[in-house]
Amino acid sequence: MAIQMGLTIYLGSKLGGWLDVKFPNNNALYTKIVTLVAVFFAMISVIIQVTKISNKNND
């Protein structure tokens, strides 16, 4: 799970960096937004996986 979460955030930051190069702006806005969205999706993914594991153990 930790590797998946780290990889999701890393790839999100790389995508944001690429967007900042492709569409220049002063504040690296794409990097910040895409990384934040990647963190959100990584957290949601971890919560879903932990919930499934917890439900499996309770049955």
PDB file of N, CA and C in Angstrom:
ATOM      1  N   MET A   1       0.810  -1.192   0.000  1.00  0.00           N
ATOM      2  CA  MET A   1       0.000   0.000   0.000  1.00  0.00           C
ATOM      3  C   MET A   1       0.860   1.266   0.000  1.00  0.00           C
ATOM      4  N   ALA A   2       1.936   1.237   0.787  1.00  0.00           N
ATOM      5  CA  ALA A   2       2.783   2.429   0.874  1.00  0.00           C
ATOM      6  C   ALA A   2       3.450   2.722  -0.465  1.00  0.00           C
ATOM      7  N   ILE A   3       3.898   1.676  -1.143  1.00  0.00           N
ATOM      8  CA  ILE A   3       4.542   1.875  -2.447  1.00  0.00           C
ATOM      9  C   ILE A   3       3.528   2.413  -3.450  1.00  0.00           C
ATOM     10  N   GLN A   4       2.317   1.872  -3.430  1.00  0.00           N
ATOM     11  CA  GLN A   4       1.268   2.336  -4.338  1.00  0.00           C
ATOM     12  C   GLN A   4       0.947   3.803  -4.078  1.00  0.00           C
ATOM     13  N   MET A   5       0.842   4.171  -2.812  1.00  0.00           N
ATOM     14  CA  MET A   5       0.527   5.558  -2.464  1.00  0.00           C
ATOM     15  C   MET A   5       1.659   6.488  -2.888  1.00  0.00           C
ATOM     16  N   GLY A   6       2.883   6.093  -2.596  1.00  0.00           N
ATOM     17  CA  GLY A   6       4.031   6.912  -2.984  1.00  0.00           C
ATOM     18  C   GLY A   6       4.148   7.064  -4.484  1.00  0.00           C
ATOM     19  N   LEU A   7       3.921   5.976  -5.205  1.00  0.00           N
ATOM     20  CA  LEU A   7       4.010   6.015  -6.659  1.00  0.00           C
ATOM     21  C   LEU A   7       2.917   6.909  -7.258  1.00  0.00           C
ATOM     22  N   THR A   8       1.718   6.836  -6.704  1.00  0.00           N
ATOM     23  CA  THR A   8       0.620   7.687  -7.192  1.00  0.00           C
ATOM     24  C   THR A   8       0.963   9.163  -7.008  1.00  0.00           C
ATOM     25  N   ILE A   9       1.466   9.516  -5.847  1.00  0.00           N
ATOM     26  CA  ILE A   9       1.815  10.914  -5.572  1.00  0.00           C
ATOM     27  C   ILE A   9       2.991  11.350  -6.442  1.00  0.00           C
ATOM     28  N   TYR A  10       3.988  10.489  -6.581  1.00  0.00           N
ATOM     29  CA  TYR A  10       5.150  10.813  -7.410  1.00  0.00           C
ATOM     30  C   TYR A  10       4.742  11.051  -8.866  1.00  0.00           C
ATOM     31  N   LEU A  11       3.927  10.150  -9.407  1.00  0.00           N
ATOM     32  CA  LEU A  11       3.493  10.312 -10.794  1.00  0.00           C
ATOM     33  C   LEU A  11       2.618  11.546 -10.967  1.00  0.00           C
ATOM     34  N   GLY A  12       1.819  11.862  -9.954  1.00  0.00           N
ATOM     35  CA  GLY A  12       1.023  13.087 -10.000  1.00  0.00           C
ATOM     36  C   GLY A  12       1.890  14.324 -10.045  1.00  0.00           C
ATOM     37  N   SER A  13       2.963  14.325  -9.261  1.00  0.00           N
ATOM     38  CA  SER A  13       3.855  15.487  -9.268  1.00  0.00           C
ATOM     39  C   SER A  13       4.610  15.592 -10.597  1.00  0.00           C
ATOM     40  N   LYS A  14       4.996  14.442 -11.159  1.00  0.00           N
ATOM     41  CA  LYS A  14       5.659  14.457 -12.467  1.00  0.00           C
ATOM     42  C   LYS A  14       4.716  14.967 -13.557  1.00  0.00           C
ATOM     43  N   LEU A  15       3.453  14.539 -13.508  1.00  0.00           N
ATOM     44  CA  LEU A  15       2.468  15.014 -14.476  1.00  0.00           C
ATOM     45  C   LEU A  15       2.262  16.520 -14.333  1.00  0.00           C
ATOM     46  N   GLY A  16       2.159  16.988 -13.104  1.00  0.00           N
ATOM     47  CA  GLY A  16       2.015  18.425 -12.870  1.00  0.00           C
ATOM     48  C   GLY A  16       3.216  19.206 -13.373  1.00  0.00           C
ATOM     49  N   GLY A  17       4.416  18.667 -13.162  1.00  0.00           N
ATOM     50  CA  GLY A  17       5.626  19.316 -13.667  1.00  0.00           C
ATOM     51  C   GLY A  17       5.638  19.383 -15.180  1.00  0.00           C
ATOM     52  N   TRP A  18       5.206  18.301 -15.803  1.00  0.00           N
ATOM     53  CA  TRP A  18       5.147  18.289 -17.270  1.00  0.00           C
ATOM     54  C   TRP A  18       4.133  19.318 -17.775  1.00  0.00           C
ATOM     55  N   LEU A  19       2.986  19.407 -17.099  1.00  0.00           N
ATOM     56  CA  LEU A  19       1.975  20.397 -17.498  1.00  0.00           C
ATOM     57  C   LEU A  19       2.500  21.820 -17.314  1.00  0.00           C
ATOM     58  N   ASP A  20       3.279  22.051 -16.259  1.00  0.00           N
ATOM     59  CA  ASP A  20       3.850  23.386 -16.048  1.00  0.00           C
ATOM     60  C   ASP A  20       4.837  23.752 -17.145  1.00  0.00           C
ATOM     61  N   VAL A  21       5.564  22.762 -17.658  1.00  0.00           N
ATOM     62  CA  VAL A  21       6.478  23.036 -18.773  1.00  0.00           C
ATOM     63  C   VAL A  21       5.698  23.262 -20.057  1.00  0.00           C
ATOM     64  N   LYS A  22       4.669  22.457 -20.268  1.00  0.00           N
ATOM     65  CA  LYS A  22       3.870  22.534 -21.501  1.00  0.00           C
ATOM     66  C   LYS A  22       3.038  23.822 -21.553  1.00  0.00           C
ATOM     67  N   PHE A  23       2.481  24.210 -20.397  1.00  0.00           N
ATOM     68  CA  PHE A  23       1.649  25.405 -20.296  1.00  0.00           C
ATOM     69  C   PHE A  23       2.223  26.295 -19.192  1.00  0.00           C
ATOM     70  N   PRO A  24       3.219  27.102 -19.515  1.00  0.00           N
ATOM     71  CA  PRO A  24       3.950  27.875 -18.487  1.00  0.00           C
ATOM     72  C   PRO A  24       3.055  28.817 -17.684  1.00  0.00           C
ATOM     73  N   ASN A  25       3.375  28.907 -16.393  1.00  0.00           N
ATOM     74  CA  ASN A  25       2.735  29.878 -15.509  1.00  0.00           C
ATOM     75  C   ASN A  25       3.743  30.255 -14.432  1.00  0.00           C
ATOM     76  N   ASN A  26       3.457  31.273 -13.658  1.00  0.00           N
ATOM     77  CA  ASN A  26       4.429  31.802 -12.704  1.00  0.00           C
ATOM     78  C   ASN A  26       4.504  31.036 -11.390  1.00  0.00           C
ATOM     79  N   ASN A  27       3.472  30.316 -11.026  1.00  0.00           N
ATOM     80  CA  ASN A  27       3.384  29.744  -9.685  1.00  0.00           C
ATOM     81  C   ASN A  27       3.502  28.224  -9.627  1.00  0.00           C
ATOM     82  N   ALA A  28       3.874  27.554 -10.696  1.00  0.00           N
ATOM     83  CA  ALA A  28       3.893  26.080 -10.748  1.00  0.00           C
ATOM     84  C   ALA A  28       2.548  25.533 -10.296  1.00  0.00           C
ATOM     85  N   LEU A  29       1.512  26.156 -10.781  1.00  0.00           N
ATOM     86  CA  LEU A  29       0.158  25.847 -10.330  1.00  0.00           C
ATOM     87  C   LEU A  29      -0.263  24.426 -10.674  1.00  0.00           C
ATOM     88  N   TYR A  30       0.088  23.953 -11.858  1.00  0.00           N
ATOM     89  CA  TYR A  30      -0.303  22.600 -12.254  1.00  0.00           C
ATOM     90  C   TYR A  30       0.338  21.553 -11.348  1.00  0.00           C
ATOM     91  N   THR A  31       1.591  21.750 -10.988  1.00  0.00           N
ATOM     92  CA  THR A  31       2.267  20.804 -10.098  1.00  0.00           C
ATOM     93  C   THR A  31       1.551  20.733  -8.758  1.00  0.00           C
ATOM     94  N   LYS A  32       1.199  21.868  -8.220  1.00  0.00           N
ATOM     95  CA  LYS A  32       0.531  21.907  -6.919  1.00  0.00           C
ATOM     96  C   LYS A  32      -0.845  21.255  -6.981  1.00  0.00           C
ATOM     97  N   ILE A  33      -1.622  21.578  -7.991  1.00  0.00           N
ATOM     98  CA  ILE A  33      -2.986  21.058  -8.089  1.00  0.00           C
ATOM     99  C   ILE A  33      -2.985  19.562  -8.351  1.00  0.00           C
ATOM    100  N   VAL A  34      -2.190  19.117  -9.329  1.00  0.00           N
ATOM    101  CA  VAL A  34      -2.197  17.695  -9.689  1.00  0.00           C
ATOM    102  C   VAL A  34      -1.622  16.858  -8.554  1.00  0.00           C
ATOM    103  N   THR A  35      -0.606  17.352  -7.859  1.00  0.00           N
ATOM    104  CA  THR A  35      -0.055  16.613  -6.722  1.00  0.00           C
ATOM    105  C   THR A  35      -1.088  16.504  -5.610  1.00  0.00           C
ATOM    106  N   LEU A  36      -1.803  17.572  -5.341  1.00  0.00           N
ATOM    107  CA  LEU A  36      -2.845  17.544  -4.313  1.00  0.00           C
ATOM    108  C   LEU A  36      -3.959  16.558  -4.677  1.00  0.00           C
ATOM    109  N   VAL A  37      -4.356  16.543  -5.932  1.00  0.00           N
ATOM    110  CA  VAL A  37      -5.376  15.586  -6.387  1.00  0.00           C
ATOM    111  C   VAL A  37      -4.852  14.151  -6.272  1.00  0.00           C
ATOM    112  N   ALA A  38      -3.578  13.946  -6.587  1.00  0.00           N
ATOM    113  CA  ALA A  38      -2.974  12.620  -6.469  1.00  0.00           C
ATOM    114  C   ALA A  38      -2.948  12.168  -5.007  1.00  0.00           C
ATOM    115  N   VAL A  39      -2.645  13.072  -4.095  1.00  0.00           N
ATOM    116  CA  VAL A  39      -2.668  12.737  -2.663  1.00  0.00           C
ATOM    117  C   VAL A  39      -4.078  12.333  -2.249  1.00  0.00           C
ATOM    118  N   PHE A  40      -5.070  13.088  -2.706  1.00  0.00           N
ATOM    119  CA  PHE A  40      -6.463  12.781  -2.387  1.00  0.00           C
ATOM    120  C   PHE A  40      -6.833  11.379  -2.880  1.00  0.00           C
ATOM    121  N   PHE A  41      -6.518  11.076  -4.145  1.00  0.00           N
ATOM    122  CA  PHE A  41      -6.858   9.758  -4.690  1.00  0.00           C
ATOM    123  C   PHE A  41      -6.071   8.641  -4.006  1.00  0.00           C
ATOM    124  N   ALA A  42      -4.833   8.905  -3.638  1.00  0.00           N
ATOM    125  CA  ALA A  42      -4.041   7.898  -2.934  1.00  0.00           C
ATOM    126  C   ALA A  42      -4.655   7.602  -1.568  1.00  0.00           C
ATOM    127  N   MET A  43      -5.086   8.637  -0.874  1.00  0.00           N
ATOM    128  CA  MET A  43      -5.720   8.436   0.432  1.00  0.00           C
ATOM    129  C   MET A  43      -7.034   7.678   0.303  1.00  0.00           C
ATOM    130  N   ILE A  44      -7.830   8.012  -0.683  1.00  0.00           N
ATOM    131  CA  ILE A  44      -9.085   7.302  -0.912  1.00  0.00           C
ATOM    132  C   ILE A  44      -8.812   5.833  -1.211  1.00  0.00           C
ATOM    133  N   SER A  45      -7.797   5.567  -2.011  1.00  0.00           N
ATOM    134  CA  SER A  45      -7.437   4.197  -2.351  1.00  0.00           C
ATOM    135  C   SER A  45      -7.020   3.414  -1.107  1.00  0.00           C
ATOM    136  N   VAL A  46      -6.226   4.019  -0.247  1.00  0.00           N
ATOM    137  CA  VAL A  46      -5.795   3.356   0.984  1.00  0.00           C
ATOM    138  C   VAL A  46      -6.991   3.091   1.900  1.00  0.00           C
ATOM    139  N   ILE A  47      -7.878   4.049   2.026  1.00  0.00           N
ATOM    140  CA  ILE A  47      -9.061   3.872   2.871  1.00  0.00           C
ATOM    141  C   ILE A  47      -9.920   2.724   2.361  1.00  0.00           C
ATOM    142  N   ILE A  48     -10.114   2.649   1.063  1.00  0.00           N
ATOM    143  CA  ILE A  48     -10.915   1.567   0.484  1.00  0.00           C
ATOM    144  C   ILE A  48     -10.248   0.216   0.728  1.00  0.00           C
ATOM    145  N   GLN A  49      -8.936   0.140   0.524  1.00  0.00           N
ATOM    146  CA  GLN A  49      -8.234  -1.128   0.733  1.00  0.00           C
ATOM    147  C   GLN A  49      -8.272  -1.554   2.192  1.00  0.00           C
ATOM    148  N   VAL A  50      -8.077  -0.638   3.110  1.00  0.00           N
ATOM    149  CA  VAL A  50      -8.112  -0.964   4.538  1.00  0.00           C
ATOM    150  C   VAL A  50      -9.513  -1.400   4.948  1.00  0.00           C
ATOM    151  N   THR A  51     -10.531  -0.755   4.419  1.00  0.00           N
ATOM    152  CA  THR A  51     -11.901  -1.140   4.720  1.00  0.00           C
ATOM    153  C   THR A  51     -12.186  -2.550   4.227  1.00  0.00           C
ATOM    154  N   LYS A  52     -11.732  -2.894   3.027  1.00  0.00           N
ATOM    155  CA  LYS A  52     -11.941  -4.242   2.506  1.00  0.00           C
ATOM    156  C   LYS A  52     -11.226  -5.285   3.362  1.00  0.00           C
ATOM    157  N   ILE A  53      -9.994  -4.979   3.766  1.00  0.00           N
ATOM    158  CA  ILE A  53      -9.239  -5.917   4.609  1.00  0.00           C
ATOM    159  C   ILE A  53      -9.924  -6.079   5.963  1.00  0.00           C
ATOM    160  N   SER A  54     -10.395  -4.976   6.516  1.00  0.00           N
ATOM    161  CA  SER A  54     -11.078  -5.021   7.805  1.00  0.00           C
ATOM    162  C   SER A  54     -12.362  -5.822   7.727  1.00  0.00           C
ATOM    163  N   ASN A  55     -13.131  -5.617   6.664  1.00  0.00           N
ATOM    164  CA  ASN A  55     -14.377  -6.366   6.494  1.00  0.00           C
ATOM    165  C   ASN A  55     -14.113  -7.844   6.285  1.00  0.00           C
ATOM    166  N   LYS A  56     -13.035  -8.174   5.571  1.00  0.00           N
ATOM    167  CA  LYS A  56     -12.687  -9.576   5.325  1.00  0.00           C
ATOM    168  C   LYS A  56     -12.311 -10.266   6.642  1.00  0.00           C
ATOM    169  N   ASN A  57     -11.589  -9.549   7.517  1.00  0.00           N
ATOM    170  CA  ASN A  57     -11.163 -10.111   8.792  1.00  0.00           C
ATOM    171  C   ASN A  57     -12.318 -10.273   9.763  1.00  0.00           C
ATOM    172  N   ASN A  58     -13.342  -9.457   9.629  1.00  0.00           N
ATOM    173  CA  ASN A  58     -14.498  -9.531  10.526  1.00  0.00           C
ATOM    174  C   ASN A  58     -15.459 -10.654  10.157  1.00  0.00           C
ATOM    175  N   ASP A  59     -15.362 -11.155   8.932  1.00  0.00           N
ATOM    176  CA  ASP A  59     -16.293 -12.219   8.500  1.00  0.00           C
ATOM    177  C   ASP A  59     -15.869 -13.553   8.959  1.00  0.00           C
TER     178      ASP A  59
END
